[in-house]
Amino acid sequence: MLDQVVAAQLPLVARLPEASRRRAADFLAELVMLSQAYRHHAAGWISREELAERGSGAVSRIAVIRRRSSLSSTQFTEQD
């Protein structure tokens, strides 16, 4: 399912402005890596614990992307 989400979003991402495109691509890359982890688990290559660890890592990286993008639109003064 994650692969389908990514495939459906790629044409939309290509039409975004540069800054938005980069952010959306970062989000989609995390989904791709997460879907790969699920496939590896289904094939028996990684344990349930490893899958959970990779899932937590993906959520953490997505949170960083969200924070980074909200900071980039903030105007700072010289005092900041």
C-alpha atoms as a PDB file:
ATOM      1  CA  MET A   1       0.000   0.000   0.000  1.00  0.00           C
ATOM      2  CA  LEU A   2       2.820   2.433   0.799  1.00  0.00           C
ATOM      3  CA  ASP A   3       4.289   1.864  -2.657  1.00  0.00           C
ATOM      4  CA  GLN A   4       0.938   2.779  -4.201  1.00  0.00           C
ATOM      5  CA  VAL A   5       0.767   5.977  -2.169  1.00  0.00           C
ATOM      6  CA  VAL A   6       4.255   6.975  -3.299  1.00  0.00           C
ATOM      7  CA  ALA A   7       3.532   6.147  -6.951  1.00  0.00           C
ATOM      8  CA  ALA A   8       0.313   8.176  -6.866  1.00  0.00           C
ATOM      9  CA  GLN A   9       2.051  11.203  -5.350  1.00  0.00           C
ATOM     10  CA  LEU A  10       5.104  11.372  -7.638  1.00  0.00           C
ATOM     11  CA  PRO A  11       3.360  13.186 -10.525  1.00  0.00           C
ATOM     12  CA  LEU A  12       1.994  15.746  -8.068  1.00  0.00           C
ATOM     13  CA  VAL A  13       5.383  16.310  -6.468  1.00  0.00           C
ATOM     14  CA  ALA A  14       6.956  17.097  -9.841  1.00  0.00           C
ATOM     15  CA  ARG A  15       4.594  20.070 -10.248  1.00  0.00           C
ATOM     16  CA  LEU A  16       5.392  21.675  -6.886  1.00  0.00           C
ATOM     17  CA  PRO A  17       7.704  24.658  -6.387  1.00  0.00           C
ATOM     18  CA  GLU A  18      11.306  23.691  -5.571  1.00  0.00           C
ATOM     19  CA  ALA A  19      11.116  24.057  -1.770  1.00  0.00           C
ATOM     20  CA  SER A  20       7.841  22.166  -1.525  1.00  0.00           C
ATOM     21  CA  ARG A  21       9.074  19.523  -3.959  1.00  0.00           C
ATOM     22  CA  ARG A  22      12.152  18.837  -1.825  1.00  0.00           C
ATOM     23  CA  ARG A  23      10.054  18.502   1.338  1.00  0.00           C
ATOM     24  CA  ALA A  24       7.515  16.210  -0.345  1.00  0.00           C
ATOM     25  CA  ALA A  25      10.312  14.098  -1.819  1.00  0.00           C
ATOM     26  CA  ASP A  26      11.842  13.706   1.648  1.00  0.00           C
ATOM     27  CA  PHE A  27       8.497  12.503   3.014  1.00  0.00           C
ATOM     28  CA  LEU A  28       8.035  10.077   0.125  1.00  0.00           C
ATOM     29  CA  ALA A  29      11.576   8.742   0.559  1.00  0.00           C
ATOM     30  CA  GLU A  30      10.775   7.861   4.158  1.00  0.00           C
ATOM     31  CA  LEU A  31       7.655   6.007   3.021  1.00  0.00           C
ATOM     32  CA  VAL A  32       9.701   4.093   0.443  1.00  0.00           C
ATOM     33  CA  MET A  33      12.206   3.033   3.103  1.00  0.00           C
ATOM     34  CA  LEU A  34       9.397   2.005   5.447  1.00  0.00           C
ATOM     35  CA  SER A  35       7.709  -0.083   2.755  1.00  0.00           C
ATOM     36  CA  GLN A  36      11.049  -1.754   2.061  1.00  0.00           C
ATOM     37  CA  ALA A  37      11.344  -2.622   5.760  1.00  0.00           C
ATOM     38  CA  TYR A  38       7.880  -4.221   5.665  1.00  0.00           C
ATOM     39  CA  ARG A  39       8.880  -6.277   2.608  1.00  0.00           C
ATOM     40  CA  HIS A  40      12.071  -7.393   4.350  1.00  0.00           C
ATOM     41  CA  HIS A  41      10.066  -8.435   7.384  1.00  0.00           C
ATOM     42  CA  ALA A  42       7.560 -10.332   5.232  1.00  0.00           C
ATOM     43  CA  ALA A  43      10.451 -12.170   3.557  1.00  0.00           C
ATOM     44  CA  GLY A  44      11.856 -13.108   6.973  1.00  0.00           C
ATOM     45  CA  TRP A  45      15.033 -11.056   6.517  1.00  0.00           C
ATOM     46  CA  ILE A  46      14.450  -8.842   9.569  1.00  0.00           C
ATOM     47  CA  SER A  47      12.737  -9.462  12.882  1.00  0.00           C
ATOM     48  CA  ARG A  48       9.601  -7.815  14.203  1.00  0.00           C
ATOM     49  CA  GLU A  49      11.795  -5.831  16.586  1.00  0.00           C
ATOM     50  CA  GLU A  50      13.935  -4.554  13.699  1.00  0.00           C
ATOM     51  CA  LEU A  51      10.787  -3.607  11.791  1.00  0.00           C
ATOM     52  CA  ALA A  52       9.514  -1.685  14.823  1.00  0.00           C
ATOM     53  CA  GLU A  53      12.873   0.060  15.159  1.00  0.00           C
ATOM     54  CA  ARG A  54      12.870   1.057  11.496  1.00  0.00           C
ATOM     55  CA  GLY A  55       9.281   2.288  11.824  1.00  0.00           C
ATOM     56  CA  SER A  56      10.178   4.413  14.840  1.00  0.00           C
ATOM     57  CA  GLY A  57      13.156   5.800  12.970  1.00  0.00           C
ATOM     58  CA  ALA A  58      10.952   6.738  10.018  1.00  0.00           C
ATOM     59  CA  VAL A  59       8.484   8.520  12.289  1.00  0.00           C
ATOM     60  CA  SER A  60      11.337  10.413  13.956  1.00  0.00           C
ATOM     61  CA  ARG A  61      12.825  11.481  10.620  1.00  0.00           C
ATOM     62  CA  ILE A  62       9.405  12.611   9.379  1.00  0.00           C
ATOM     63  CA  ALA A  63       9.024  14.710  12.521  1.00  0.00           C
ATOM     64  CA  VAL A  64      12.395  16.327  11.789  1.00  0.00           C
ATOM     65  CA  ILE A  65      11.313  17.082   8.210  1.00  0.00           C
ATOM     66  CA  ARG A  66       8.124  18.694   9.504  1.00  0.00           C
ATOM     67  CA  ARG A  67       9.999  20.815  12.033  1.00  0.00           C
ATOM     68  CA  ARG A  68      12.619  21.802   9.461  1.00  0.00           C
ATOM     69  CA  SER A  69       9.996  22.920   6.955  1.00  0.00           C
ATOM     70  CA  SER A  70       8.065  24.955   9.518  1.00  0.00           C
ATOM     71  CA  LEU A  71      11.273  26.720  10.557  1.00  0.00           C
ATOM     72  CA  SER A  72      12.223  27.543   6.989  1.00  0.00           C
ATOM     73  CA  SER A  73       9.116  29.653   6.485  1.00  0.00           C
ATOM     74  CA  THR A  74       9.735  31.664   9.651  1.00  0.00           C
ATOM     75  CA  GLN A  75      11.181  35.151   9.310  1.00  0.00           C
ATOM     76  CA  PHE A  76      14.121  35.834  11.637  1.00  0.00           C
ATOM     77  CA  THR A  77      15.477  39.212  12.637  1.00  0.00           C
ATOM     78  CA  GLU A  78      19.136  40.094  13.265  1.00  0.00           C
ATOM     79  CA  GLN A  79      18.601  39.527  16.982  1.00  0.00           C
ATOM     80  CA  ASP A  80      17.518  35.934  16.369  1.00  0.00           C
END
